[in-house]
C-alpha atoms as a PDB file:
ATOM      1  CA  UNK A   1     141.612  53.770 242.445  1.00  0.00           C
ATOM      2  CA  UNK A   2     140.105  57.636 244.225  1.00  0.00           C
ATOM      3  CA  UNK A   3     143.167  58.147 245.501  1.00  0.00           C
ATOM      4  CA  UNK A   4     143.624  60.094 248.592  1.00  0.00           C
ATOM      5  CA  UNK A   5     140.685  62.165 249.591  1.00  0.00           C
ATOM      6  CA  UNK A   6     140.071  66.081 248.964  1.00  0.00           C
ATOM      7  CA  UNK A   7     140.714  67.910 251.731  1.00  0.00           C
ATOM      8  CA  UNK A   8     138.614  67.944 254.542  1.00  0.00           C
ATOM      9  CA  UNK A   9     136.780  64.315 253.241  1.00  0.00           C
ATOM     10  CA  UNK A  10     136.982  62.356 255.949  1.00  0.00           C
ATOM     11  CA  UNK A  11     136.001  58.598 254.038  1.00  0.00           C
ATOM     12  CA  UNK A  12     135.727  55.698 255.976  1.00  0.00           C
ATOM     13  CA  UNK A  13     135.793  51.741 255.272  1.00  0.00           C
ATOM     14  CA  UNK A  14     133.400  50.087 257.437  1.00  0.00           C
ATOM     15  CA  UNK A  15     132.162  46.536 257.611  1.00  0.00           C
ATOM     16  CA  UNK A  16     128.930  45.380 257.072  1.00  0.00           C
ATOM     17  CA  UNK A  17     127.574  46.708 261.219  1.00  0.00           C
ATOM     18  CA  UNK A  18     129.780  49.463 260.880  1.00  0.00           C
ATOM     19  CA  UNK A  19     132.391  48.849 262.257  1.00  0.00           C
ATOM     20  CA  UNK A  20     135.093  51.541 260.971  1.00  0.00           C
ATOM     21  CA  UNK A  21     138.107  49.227 258.961  1.00  0.00           C
ATOM     22  CA  UNK A  22     142.216  50.139 259.454  1.00  0.00           C
ATOM     23  CA  UNK A  23     144.473  49.607 256.871  1.00  0.00           C
ATOM     24  CA  UNK A  24     144.173  47.585 253.711  1.00  0.00           C
ATOM     25  CA  UNK A  25     140.783  46.581 253.868  1.00  0.00           C
ATOM     26  CA  UNK A  26     137.592  46.299 252.138  1.00  0.00           C
ATOM     27  CA  UNK A  27     134.061  47.113 252.643  1.00  0.00           C
ATOM     28  CA  UNK A  28     131.844  49.893 252.072  1.00  0.00           C
ATOM     29  CA  UNK A  29     132.581  53.713 251.431  1.00  0.00           C
ATOM     30  CA  UNK A  30     130.602  55.665 254.049  1.00  0.00           C
ATOM     31  CA  UNK A  31     131.869  59.780 254.969  1.00  0.00           C
ATOM     32  CA  UNK A  32     132.019  61.173 258.162  1.00  0.00           C
ATOM     33  CA  UNK A  33     131.496  64.832 258.023  1.00  0.00           C
ATOM     34  CA  UNK A  34     130.034  66.200 255.080  1.00  0.00           C
ATOM     35  CA  UNK A  35     131.214  69.247 252.614  1.00  0.00           C
ATOM     36  CA  UNK A  36     129.559  72.202 251.640  1.00  0.00           C
ATOM     37  CA  UNK A  37     128.542  70.115 248.399  1.00  0.00           C
ATOM     38  CA  UNK A  38     127.387  66.985 249.280  1.00  0.00           C
ATOM     39  CA  UNK A  39     123.558  66.062 248.312  1.00  0.00           C
ATOM     40  CA  UNK A  40     121.561  67.896 250.444  1.00  0.00           C
ATOM     41  CA  UNK A  41     118.508  66.413 249.321  1.00  0.00           C
ATOM     42  CA  UNK A  42     116.313  64.317 247.736  1.00  0.00           C
ATOM     43  CA  UNK A  43     114.104  66.565 245.340  1.00  0.00           C
ATOM     44  CA  UNK A  44     110.191  66.296 246.921  1.00  0.00           C
ATOM     45  CA  UNK A  45     110.968  63.348 248.864  1.00  0.00           C
ATOM     46  CA  UNK A  46     113.462  64.332 251.877  1.00  0.00           C
ATOM     47  CA  UNK A  47     111.958  61.568 254.533  1.00  0.00           C
ATOM     48  CA  UNK A  48     113.305  59.217 251.535  1.00  0.00           C
ATOM     49  CA  UNK A  49     117.454  61.136 251.342  1.00  0.00           C
ATOM     50  CA  UNK A  50     117.904  60.802 255.238  1.00  0.00           C
ATOM     51  CA  UNK A  51     116.288  57.354 254.619  1.00  0.00           C
ATOM     52  CA  UNK A  52     118.612  55.931 252.070  1.00  0.00           C
ATOM     53  CA  UNK A  53     121.923  58.652 253.078  1.00  0.00           C
ATOM     54  CA  UNK A  54     121.764  58.412 256.493  1.00  0.00           C
ATOM     55  CA  UNK A  55     120.633  55.426 258.422  1.00  0.00           C
ATOM     56  CA  UNK A  56     122.683  53.449 257.563  1.00  0.00           C
ATOM     57  CA  UNK A  57     125.195  53.539 260.033  1.00  0.00           C
ATOM     58  CA  UNK A  58     124.125  56.626 262.108  1.00  0.00           C
ATOM     59  CA  UNK A  59     126.728  59.440 262.054  1.00  0.00           C
ATOM     60  CA  UNK A  60     128.005  58.699 258.124  1.00  0.00           C
ATOM     61  CA  UNK A  61     126.680  59.547 254.773  1.00  0.00           C
ATOM     62  CA  UNK A  62     126.377  55.728 252.687  1.00  0.00           C
ATOM     63  CA  UNK A  63     127.635  56.834 249.081  1.00  0.00           C
ATOM     64  CA  UNK A  64     126.235  53.965 248.130  1.00  0.00           C
ATOM     65  CA  UNK A  65     129.942  52.252 247.195  1.00  0.00           C
ATOM     66  CA  UNK A  66     132.252  49.436 248.496  1.00  0.00           C
ATOM     67  CA  UNK A  67     135.569  50.482 248.412  1.00  0.00           C
ATOM     68  CA  UNK A  68     138.791  49.383 248.974  1.00  0.00           C
ATOM     69  CA  UNK A  69     141.837  50.963 250.630  1.00  0.00           C
ATOM     70  CA  UNK A  70     145.613  49.381 249.636  1.00  0.00           C
ATOM     71  CA  UNK A  71     148.970  49.370 251.347  1.00  0.00           C
ATOM     72  CA  UNK A  72     148.535  53.164 250.330  1.00  0.00           C
ATOM     73  CA  UNK A  73     146.331  54.483 251.770  1.00  0.00           C
ATOM     74  CA  UNK A  74     144.556  54.882 248.409  1.00  0.00           C
ATOM     75  CA  UNK A  75     141.192  54.150 248.376  1.00  0.00           C
ATOM     76  CA  UNK A  76     139.464  52.178 245.183  1.00  0.00           C
ATOM     77  CA  UNK A  77     135.201  52.549 244.506  1.00  0.00           C
ATOM     78  CA  UNK A  78     134.874  48.635 243.562  1.00  0.00           C
ATOM     79  CA  UNK A  79     130.877  49.225 242.557  1.00  0.00           C
ATOM     80  CA  UNK A  80     127.608  50.438 243.248  1.00  0.00           C
ATOM     81  CA  UNK A  81     126.226  48.277 246.390  1.00  0.00           C
ATOM     82  CA  UNK A  82     122.825  50.023 247.074  1.00  0.00           C
ATOM     83  CA  UNK A  83     121.092  48.244 244.353  1.00  0.00           C
ATOM     84  CA  UNK A  84     120.988  44.916 246.298  1.00  0.00           C
ATOM     85  CA  UNK A  85     120.253  46.382 249.639  1.00  0.00           C
ATOM     86  CA  UNK A  86     117.198  45.886 250.673  1.00  0.00           C
ATOM     87  CA  UNK A  87     114.370  48.875 251.329  1.00  0.00           C
ATOM     88  CA  UNK A  88     115.205  50.578 254.660  1.00  0.00           C
END
Protein backbone atom coordinates (compact mmCIF):
# COMPACT_ATOMS: atom_id res chain seq x y z
CA UNK A 1 0.00 0.00 0.00
CA UNK A 2 1.18 3.49 -0.80
CA UNK A 3 -1.09 4.61 2.11
CA UNK A 4 -2.34 8.19 2.20
CA UNK A 5 -1.08 10.87 -0.21
CA UNK A 6 1.67 13.28 0.83
CA UNK A 7 0.69 16.92 1.41
CA UNK A 8 -0.04 18.70 -1.86
CA UNK A 9 -0.31 15.52 -3.95
CA UNK A 10 -3.85 14.97 -5.22
CA UNK A 11 -4.31 11.40 -6.46
CA UNK A 12 -7.45 10.52 -8.38
CA UNK A 13 -8.72 7.06 -9.30
CA UNK A 14 -10.57 7.02 -12.62
CA UNK A 15 -12.27 4.38 -14.74
CA UNK A 16 -11.35 3.63 -18.37
CA UNK A 17 -13.44 6.61 -19.54
CA UNK A 18 -11.79 9.07 -17.16
CA UNK A 19 -14.68 9.30 -14.70
CA UNK A 20 -13.45 10.00 -11.19
CA UNK A 21 -14.30 7.16 -8.80
CA UNK A 22 -15.25 7.78 -5.18
CA UNK A 23 -14.84 5.66 -2.04
CA UNK A 24 -13.69 2.05 -2.34
CA UNK A 25 -12.73 1.54 -5.98
CA UNK A 26 -10.23 0.27 -8.53
CA UNK A 27 -9.00 1.93 -11.71
CA UNK A 28 -6.19 4.09 -13.11
CA UNK A 29 -4.09 6.21 -10.75
CA UNK A 30 -3.97 9.80 -11.96
CA UNK A 31 -2.56 12.96 -10.35
CA UNK A 32 -4.73 16.06 -10.46
CA UNK A 33 -2.07 18.71 -9.73
CA UNK A 34 1.71 18.68 -10.21
CA UNK A 35 4.17 19.25 -7.36
CA UNK A 36 7.73 20.61 -7.59
CA UNK A 37 9.50 17.25 -8.04
CA UNK A 38 7.11 15.72 -10.59
CA UNK A 39 8.65 14.63 -13.89
CA UNK A 40 9.02 17.61 -16.25
CA UNK A 41 9.94 16.12 -19.61
CA UNK A 42 11.65 13.27 -21.46
CA UNK A 43 15.15 14.25 -22.57
CA UNK A 44 15.11 15.06 -26.26
CA UNK A 45 11.41 14.30 -26.78
CA UNK A 46 9.10 16.70 -24.95
CA UNK A 47 6.20 15.87 -27.29
CA UNK A 48 6.41 12.20 -26.24
CA UNK A 49 6.27 13.35 -22.60
CA UNK A 50 3.11 15.38 -23.27
CA UNK A 51 1.48 12.56 -25.26
CA UNK A 52 2.33 9.79 -22.80
CA UNK A 53 1.58 11.48 -19.50
CA UNK A 54 -1.01 14.19 -20.19
CA UNK A 55 -3.20 13.02 -23.09
CA UNK A 56 -4.93 10.01 -21.54
CA UNK A 57 -7.40 12.21 -19.65
CA UNK A 58 -7.16 15.97 -20.04
CA UNK A 59 -6.08 17.94 -17.00
CA UNK A 60 -4.53 14.99 -15.16
CA UNK A 61 -1.10 13.33 -15.07
CA UNK A 62 -1.15 9.62 -15.99
CA UNK A 63 1.10 7.66 -13.64
CA UNK A 64 0.94 4.46 -15.68
CA UNK A 65 -0.30 2.53 -12.63
CA UNK A 66 -3.44 0.71 -11.67
CA UNK A 67 -4.75 1.51 -8.23
CA UNK A 68 -7.23 0.43 -5.58
CA UNK A 69 -8.50 2.66 -2.78
CA UNK A 70 -9.74 0.87 0.33
CA UNK A 71 -12.34 1.79 2.95
CA UNK A 72 -9.70 3.64 5.01
CA UNK A 73 -8.78 5.85 2.03
CA UNK A 74 -5.43 4.07 1.51
CA UNK A 75 -4.16 3.82 -2.06
CA UNK A 76 -2.81 0.46 -3.27
CA UNK A 77 -0.70 0.48 -6.44
CA UNK A 78 -1.66 -2.71 -8.29
CA UNK A 79 0.88 -2.60 -11.11
CA UNK A 80 1.74 -1.02 -14.42
CA UNK A 81 -1.02 -0.56 -16.96
CA UNK A 82 0.77 1.50 -19.59
CA UNK A 83 2.79 -1.38 -21.04
CA UNK A 84 -0.37 -2.87 -22.53
CA UNK A 85 -1.95 0.37 -23.83
CA UNK A 86 -1.78 0.93 -27.56
CA UNK A 87 0.28 3.98 -28.60
CA UNK A 88 -1.66 7.27 -28.68
